């Protein structure tokens, strides 16, 4: 259990850092992306929590990032052009 005291803050910081790095600049709130990366690195857990609650883009409920709407093949114009 003592190891969790060390592992959880490190995991949180790494998660936030990579989340900032993968988020497009246009979606970042409050500060520029480079500033969030610097804050997460310098202030570790506090910077990570700041990113998660203040800087992270708001997601629509039920929406999965990076995935668009699934279109069936018979309604997809690109698929129909290839036939």
Foldseek 3Di string as FASTA:
>chain_A
DVVCVVPVLVVLLVVQLVQLVPDDQVQWPDDGSVVLNVQSVPVRNVSSVCCVPPTGGDDDPPDDPPDDDDDDLVPDPVNVVVD
